Amino acid sequence: MSIKNIKASFILEDKVNTSGIFKQNNVVYTIYPHVKTLVNVTGIKSFEQLEISKKILESKLKQKVVNVRIDNTFFSKKNYKNVDMVKVYKFMQNNSLFHVD
C-alpha cells in the first residue's frame, strides 16, 4: 500500500491574527477564524512532505508549530484483495504507534 493523501492539524504556539486559505506546492493550508492556534493542512503525499509543510508554515507565520496531529490518511493499493478491517483496527489498537478510539 502507498499513502495517497494525509490530512493533518498543526497546533501553533500562539494565536495568529489572520484567517483564510493558502496553497503552496499542492498543499492547502486552512486557518479558520474560530480557532486561531490551529491550521488544517491537506494534500500531503508523504511524511517527508509533512515535515516540509511544517517548516513552510513556521516560516510563513513566523512562529513555532508545537504539535502535529494526523487526522486522516488515505492509502491505496490495487491488488483486488479484501482487507479485514477488524484485524487492522485491533492491530492499531494494540500498537503504541497509533491512537485509536
Protein backbone atom coordinates (compact mmCIF):
# COMPACT_ATOMS: atom_id res chain seq x y z
CA MET A 1 0.00 0.00 0.00
CA SER A 2 1.10 3.55 -0.55
CA ILE A 3 -0.01 6.80 1.03
CA LYS A 4 -2.07 8.91 -1.34
CA ASN A 5 -3.10 11.75 0.97
CA ILE A 6 -2.60 12.91 4.56
CA LYS A 7 -4.78 15.44 6.40
CA ALA A 8 -3.07 16.95 9.42
CA SER A 9 -3.58 19.66 12.01
CA PHE A 10 -0.70 21.88 13.08
CA ILE A 11 -1.12 23.38 16.54
CA LEU A 12 0.68 26.68 16.86
CA GLU A 13 2.45 28.20 19.84
CA ASP A 14 0.41 31.44 19.73
CA LYS A 15 -2.72 32.71 18.05
CA VAL A 16 -2.41 34.11 14.55
CA ASN A 17 -4.12 37.34 13.56
CA THR A 18 -5.27 36.10 10.18
CA SER A 19 -7.60 33.51 8.72
CA GLY A 20 -8.06 32.08 5.27
CA ILE A 21 -6.66 29.56 2.85
CA PHE A 22 -3.35 29.49 1.04
CA LYS A 23 -1.78 26.87 -1.21
CA GLN A 24 1.86 26.05 -1.76
CA ASN A 25 3.31 23.04 -3.64
CA ASN A 26 -0.18 21.48 -3.98
CA VAL A 27 -0.62 21.54 -0.17
CA VAL A 28 -3.59 23.53 1.15
CA TYR A 29 -3.30 25.36 4.49
CA THR A 30 -6.55 26.48 6.13
CA ILE A 31 -6.78 28.81 9.13
CA TYR A 32 -10.31 29.12 10.48
CA PRO A 33 -11.38 32.30 12.29
CA HIS A 34 -12.78 30.48 15.34
CA VAL A 35 -9.57 28.56 16.21
CA LYS A 36 -6.55 30.79 15.73
CA THR A 37 -3.96 28.31 17.02
CA LEU A 38 -4.87 25.52 14.60
CA VAL A 39 -4.01 25.16 10.93
CA ASN A 40 -5.56 22.33 8.89
CA VAL A 41 -3.30 21.00 6.15
CA THR A 42 -4.42 18.75 3.28
CA GLY A 43 -2.83 17.39 0.14
CA ILE A 44 0.28 15.96 1.77
CA LYS A 45 1.60 12.90 -0.06
CA SER A 46 4.34 11.65 2.29
CA PHE A 47 5.72 12.02 5.80
CA GLU A 48 8.70 13.90 4.37
CA GLN A 49 6.31 16.39 2.80
CA LEU A 50 4.58 16.70 6.18
CA GLU A 51 7.84 17.88 7.75
CA ILE A 52 8.48 20.29 4.86
CA SER A 53 4.93 21.67 5.22
CA LYS A 54 5.54 22.24 8.92
CA LYS A 55 8.70 24.24 8.16
CA ILE A 56 6.91 26.25 5.45
CA LEU A 57 4.13 27.14 7.88
CA GLU A 58 6.57 28.10 10.63
CA SER A 59 8.43 30.32 8.18
CA LYS A 60 5.29 31.94 6.80
CA LEU A 61 3.63 32.61 10.17
CA LYS A 62 6.92 33.26 12.00
CA GLN A 63 6.04 31.04 14.93
CA LYS A 64 6.63 27.51 16.10
CA VAL A 65 4.36 24.53 15.49
CA VAL A 66 4.17 22.79 18.89
CA ASN A 67 2.19 19.73 17.84
CA VAL A 68 1.39 17.87 14.61
CA ARG A 69 -1.74 15.73 14.64
CA ILE A 70 -2.50 13.43 11.72
CA ASP A 71 -6.28 13.47 11.36
CA ASN A 72 -6.73 11.20 8.39
CA THR A 73 -4.68 9.12 5.96
CA PHE A 74 -5.69 7.61 2.67
CA PHE A 75 -3.84 4.52 1.46
CA SER A 76 -4.29 2.82 -1.86
CA LYS A 77 -3.21 -0.40 -3.48
CA LYS A 78 -4.96 -2.09 -6.32
CA ASN A 79 -4.36 -5.76 -5.78
CA TYR A 80 -8.02 -6.81 -5.73
CA LYS A 81 -7.70 -8.45 -2.30
CA ASN A 82 -10.06 -7.91 0.59
CA VAL A 83 -8.64 -6.38 3.76
CA ASP A 84 -10.05 -7.45 7.12
CA MET A 85 -10.63 -4.03 8.68
CA VAL A 86 -11.41 -5.57 12.10
CA LYS A 87 -7.91 -7.09 12.17
CA VAL A 88 -6.40 -3.76 11.12
CA TYR A 89 -8.36 -1.97 13.87
CA LYS A 90 -7.26 -4.47 16.54
CA PHE A 91 -3.65 -4.26 15.40
CA MET A 92 -3.70 -0.48 15.59
CA GLN A 93 -5.42 -0.54 18.99
CA ASN A 94 -2.68 -2.75 20.46
CA ASN A 95 0.22 -0.83 18.92
CA SER A 96 1.78 2.12 20.77
CA LEU A 97 2.43 3.97 17.49
CA PHE A 98 -1.29 4.55 16.87
CA HIS A 99 -4.03 6.26 18.87
CA VAL A 100 -7.35 4.57 18.18
CA ASP A 101 -10.63 5.37 19.95
